Amino acid sequence: MTNRYYAEDRDEWVHGTVVWTFGWVLAGHTVQDVMWFTAPGPDGYPRRVTGSTVRHYDPAGKTWAIVWFSPAGTTTTLTGRAGDDGGIAQEGTDPRGRPIRWLFTDLTGASFRWLGYVSDDGGATWRLEQEMLARRR
């Protein structure tokens, strides 16, 4: 998949690729994914980082409990629900305490779009900080 994200420390958009795999775990009640991001580092050489998300569905509440974690120790928790447009909306806070919203949109049998938003004013306004365009194998 293609990936672009806003590097706040460099004040620029960085473009790269992602290999993103999904699988069922915990007797089919939970989805876990693993992502490998490749993008140019600050020195211009390719940099590769990884992370994983676990999403556990609560049928009574019709919500997903979501935890993203990375080897660097970053952990983010969110709550997911069906989106108004047939996608998936996930909301929580980032490690700095800012509200975040992650959306799966434009879902088809062959592709989807993932959007990551952050709010710097408590949720009054949102700005895009990451976009991934996926093509299924």
C-alpha atoms as a PDB file:
ATOM      1  CA  MET A   1       0.000   0.000   0.000  1.00  0.00           C
ATOM      2  CA  THR A   2       1.038   3.593  -0.384  1.00  0.00           C
ATOM      3  CA  ASN A   3       1.488   5.728   2.694  1.00  0.00           C
ATOM      4  CA  ARG A   4       1.960   9.404   3.347  1.00  0.00           C
ATOM      5  CA  TYR A   5       2.223  11.014   6.757  1.00  0.00           C
ATOM      6  CA  TYR A   6       2.961  14.433   8.142  1.00  0.00           C
ATOM      7  CA  ALA A   7       6.286  14.556  10.029  1.00  0.00           C
ATOM      8  CA  GLU A   8       5.678  17.361  12.542  1.00  0.00           C
ATOM      9  CA  ASP A   9       9.348  17.529  13.542  1.00  0.00           C
ATOM     10  CA  ARG A  10      10.326  18.125   9.883  1.00  0.00           C
ATOM     11  CA  ASP A  11       7.186  20.083   8.892  1.00  0.00           C
ATOM     12  CA  GLU A  12       6.735  18.016   5.735  1.00  0.00           C
ATOM     13  CA  TRP A  13       4.776  15.136   4.214  1.00  0.00           C
ATOM     14  CA  VAL A  14       6.755  11.902   3.916  1.00  0.00           C
ATOM     15  CA  HIS A  15       5.813   9.294   1.286  1.00  0.00           C
ATOM     16  CA  GLY A  16       6.490   5.587   1.593  1.00  0.00           C
ATOM     17  CA  THR A  17       4.969   2.121   1.462  1.00  0.00           C
ATOM     18  CA  VAL A  18       3.389  -0.279   3.934  1.00  0.00           C
ATOM     19  CA  VAL A  19       2.992  -4.047   4.025  1.00  0.00           C
ATOM     20  CA  TRP A  20      -0.090  -4.636   6.196  1.00  0.00           C
ATOM     21  CA  THR A  21      -1.252  -8.143   7.099  1.00  0.00           C
ATOM     22  CA  PHE A  22      -4.409  -9.075   9.010  1.00  0.00           C
ATOM     23  CA  GLY A  23      -5.431 -12.282  10.780  1.00  0.00           C
ATOM     24  CA  TRP A  24      -7.997 -13.651  13.210  1.00  0.00           C
ATOM     25  CA  VAL A  25      -6.763 -14.492  16.735  1.00  0.00           C
ATOM     26  CA  LEU A  26      -8.355 -15.539  20.061  1.00  0.00           C
ATOM     27  CA  ALA A  27     -10.662 -18.150  18.519  1.00  0.00           C
ATOM     28  CA  GLY A  28     -11.847 -15.736  15.827  1.00  0.00           C
ATOM     29  CA  HIS A  29     -13.101 -13.016  18.193  1.00  0.00           C
ATOM     30  CA  THR A  30     -10.219 -10.624  17.588  1.00  0.00           C
ATOM     31  CA  VAL A  31      -8.359  -9.241  14.572  1.00  0.00           C
ATOM     32  CA  GLN A  32      -4.645  -8.553  14.818  1.00  0.00           C
ATOM     33  CA  ASP A  33      -2.606  -6.800  12.168  1.00  0.00           C
ATOM     34  CA  VAL A  34       1.087  -6.203  11.693  1.00  0.00           C
ATOM     35  CA  MET A  35       2.405  -3.300   9.635  1.00  0.00           C
ATOM     36  CA  TRP A  36       5.842  -2.715   8.121  1.00  0.00           C
ATOM     37  CA  PHE A  37       6.370   0.910   7.106  1.00  0.00           C
ATOM     38  CA  THR A  38       9.186   1.880   4.730  1.00  0.00           C
ATOM     39  CA  ALA A  39       9.937   5.557   4.057  1.00  0.00           C
ATOM     40  CA  PRO A  40      12.955   7.794   3.636  1.00  0.00           C
ATOM     41  CA  GLY A  41      14.510   8.770   6.940  1.00  0.00           C
ATOM     42  CA  PRO A  42      15.752  12.290   7.720  1.00  0.00           C
ATOM     43  CA  ASP A  43      19.071  11.392   6.057  1.00  0.00           C
ATOM     44  CA  GLY A  44      17.303  10.225   2.862  1.00  0.00           C
ATOM     45  CA  TYR A  45      18.067   6.539   3.355  1.00  0.00           C
ATOM     46  CA  PRO A  46      15.129   4.115   3.655  1.00  0.00           C
ATOM     47  CA  ARG A  47      13.938   3.553   7.200  1.00  0.00           C
ATOM     48  CA  ARG A  48      11.767   0.593   8.195  1.00  0.00           C
ATOM     49  CA  VAL A  49       9.556   0.528  11.287  1.00  0.00           C
ATOM     50  CA  THR A  50       6.827  -1.826  12.472  1.00  0.00           C
ATOM     51  CA  GLY A  51       3.757  -1.870  14.672  1.00  0.00           C
ATOM     52  CA  SER A  52       0.695  -3.947  15.442  1.00  0.00           C
ATOM     53  CA  THR A  53      -2.966  -3.372  16.235  1.00  0.00           C
ATOM     54  CA  VAL A  54      -5.333  -5.681  18.112  1.00  0.00           C
ATOM     55  CA  ARG A  55      -9.088  -5.143  17.622  1.00  0.00           C
ATOM     56  CA  HIS A  56     -11.519  -7.064  19.830  1.00  0.00           C
ATOM     57  CA  TYR A  57     -15.234  -6.903  18.996  1.00  0.00           C
ATOM     58  CA  ASP A  58     -17.901  -6.496  21.708  1.00  0.00           C
ATOM     59  CA  PRO A  59     -21.173  -7.757  20.178  1.00  0.00           C
ATOM     60  CA  ALA A  60     -23.293  -6.356  23.033  1.00  0.00           C
ATOM     61  CA  GLY A  61     -22.010  -2.802  22.547  1.00  0.00           C
ATOM     62  CA  LYS A  62     -21.353  -3.214  18.803  1.00  0.00           C
ATOM     63  CA  THR A  63     -17.933  -1.613  19.305  1.00  0.00           C
ATOM     64  CA  TRP A  64     -14.311  -2.588  18.913  1.00  0.00           C
ATOM     65  CA  ALA A  65     -11.700  -2.214  21.676  1.00  0.00           C
ATOM     66  CA  ILE A  66      -8.507  -1.282  19.825  1.00  0.00           C
ATOM     67  CA  VAL A  67      -4.875  -1.098  20.930  1.00  0.00           C
ATOM     68  CA  TRP A  68      -1.994  -0.030  18.663  1.00  0.00           C
ATOM     69  CA  PHE A  69       1.533  -0.704  19.882  1.00  0.00           C
ATOM     70  CA  SER A  70       5.049  -0.433  18.505  1.00  0.00           C
ATOM     71  CA  PRO A  71       8.417  -1.888  19.507  1.00  0.00           C
ATOM     72  CA  ALA A  72       9.439   1.654  20.562  1.00  0.00           C
ATOM     73  CA  GLY A  73       6.898   1.452  23.402  1.00  0.00           C
ATOM     74  CA  THR A  74       4.210   3.654  21.870  1.00  0.00           C
ATOM     75  CA  THR A  75       0.715   2.474  22.827  1.00  0.00           C
ATOM     76  CA  THR A  76      -2.554   4.017  21.648  1.00  0.00           C
ATOM     77  CA  THR A  77      -6.065   2.907  22.645  1.00  0.00           C
ATOM     78  CA  LEU A  78      -9.207   3.606  20.657  1.00  0.00           C
ATOM     79  CA  THR A  79     -12.840   2.578  20.410  1.00  0.00           C
ATOM     80  CA  GLY A  80     -14.181   1.561  17.012  1.00  0.00           C
ATOM     81  CA  ARG A  81     -17.676   1.475  15.549  1.00  0.00           C
ATOM     82  CA  ALA A  82     -19.357   1.177  12.188  1.00  0.00           C
ATOM     83  CA  GLY A  83     -19.042   4.420  10.260  1.00  0.00           C
ATOM     84  CA  ASP A  84     -21.959   6.296   8.730  1.00  0.00           C
ATOM     85  CA  ASP A  85     -20.740   5.536   5.200  1.00  0.00           C
ATOM     86  CA  GLY A  86     -20.219   1.784   5.677  1.00  0.00           C
ATOM     87  CA  GLY A  87     -16.611   2.221   6.784  1.00  0.00           C
ATOM     88  CA  ILE A  88     -15.093   1.932  10.257  1.00  0.00           C
ATOM     89  CA  ALA A  89     -14.493   4.879  12.623  1.00  0.00           C
ATOM     90  CA  GLN A  90     -11.964   4.570  15.470  1.00  0.00           C
ATOM     91  CA  GLU A  91     -11.496   7.294  18.093  1.00  0.00           C
ATOM     92  CA  GLY A  92      -9.121   7.763  21.010  1.00  0.00           C
ATOM     93  CA  THR A  93      -6.149   9.837  22.104  1.00  0.00           C
ATOM     94  CA  ASP A  94      -2.544   9.828  20.972  1.00  0.00           C
ATOM     95  CA  PRO A  95       0.393   9.475  23.399  1.00  0.00           C
ATOM     96  CA  ARG A  96       0.487  13.296  23.762  1.00  0.00           C
ATOM     97  CA  GLY A  97      -3.173  13.319  24.898  1.00  0.00           C
ATOM     98  CA  ARG A  98      -4.608  14.791  21.685  1.00  0.00           C
ATOM     99  CA  PRO A  99      -7.864  13.379  20.255  1.00  0.00           C
ATOM    100  CA  ILE A 100      -7.340  11.155  17.220  1.00  0.00           C
ATOM    101  CA  ARG A 101      -9.684   9.643  14.670  1.00  0.00           C
ATOM    102  CA  TRP A 102      -8.706   6.762  12.399  1.00  0.00           C
ATOM    103  CA  LEU A 103     -11.073   5.877   9.544  1.00  0.00           C
ATOM    104  CA  PHE A 104     -11.323   2.933   7.145  1.00  0.00           C
ATOM    105  CA  THR A 105     -13.196   4.314   4.112  1.00  0.00           C
ATOM    106  CA  ASP A 106     -13.897   3.472   0.467  1.00  0.00           C
ATOM    107  CA  LEU A 107     -14.071  -0.248   1.312  1.00  0.00           C
ATOM    108  CA  THR A 108     -14.351  -2.536  -1.720  1.00  0.00           C
ATOM    109  CA  GLY A 109     -13.532  -6.158  -2.375  1.00  0.00           C
ATOM    110  CA  ALA A 110     -10.121  -5.112  -3.682  1.00  0.00           C
ATOM    111  CA  SER A 111      -9.102  -1.957  -1.792  1.00  0.00           C
ATOM    112  CA  PHE A 112      -9.641   0.490   1.050  1.00  0.00           C
ATOM    113  CA  ARG A 113      -8.460   3.875   2.248  1.00  0.00           C
ATOM    114  CA  TRP A 114      -7.207   4.559   5.791  1.00  0.00           C
ATOM    115  CA  LEU A 115      -7.169   8.119   7.138  1.00  0.00           C
ATOM    116  CA  GLY A 116      -5.588   9.299  10.386  1.00  0.00           C
ATOM    117  CA  TYR A 117      -6.702  12.629  11.876  1.00  0.00           C
ATOM    118  CA  VAL A 118      -5.520  14.522  14.965  1.00  0.00           C
ATOM    119  CA  SER A 119      -7.056  17.479  16.790  1.00  0.00           C
ATOM    120  CA  ASP A 120      -4.956  20.172  18.412  1.00  0.00           C
ATOM    121  CA  ASP A 121      -7.981  21.917  19.979  1.00  0.00           C
ATOM    122  CA  GLY A 122      -9.831  19.175  21.867  1.00  0.00           C
ATOM    123  CA  GLY A 123     -11.841  17.937  18.890  1.00  0.00           C
ATOM    124  CA  ALA A 124     -13.208  21.250  17.570  1.00  0.00           C
ATOM    125  CA  THR A 125     -11.225  20.859  14.327  1.00  0.00           C
ATOM    126  CA  TRP A 126      -9.323  17.975  12.756  1.00  0.00           C
ATOM    127  CA  ARG A 127      -6.312  17.817  10.468  1.00  0.00           C
ATOM    128  CA  LEU A 128      -5.162  14.910   8.344  1.00  0.00           C
ATOM    129  CA  GLU A 129      -1.837  13.480   9.504  1.00  0.00           C
ATOM    130  CA  GLN A 130      -1.721  10.177   7.605  1.00  0.00           C
ATOM    131  CA  GLU A 131      -3.311   8.505   4.577  1.00  0.00           C
ATOM    132  CA  MET A 132      -2.811   4.954   3.349  1.00  0.00           C
ATOM    133  CA  LEU A 133      -4.267   3.505   0.146  1.00  0.00           C
ATOM    134  CA  ALA A 134      -4.459  -0.276   0.186  1.00  0.00           C
ATOM    135  CA  ARG A 135      -4.918  -2.824  -2.545  1.00  0.00           C
ATOM    136  CA  ARG A 136      -5.828  -6.322  -1.334  1.00  0.00           C
ATOM    137  CA  ARG A 137      -3.951  -9.371  -2.567  1.00  0.00           C
END
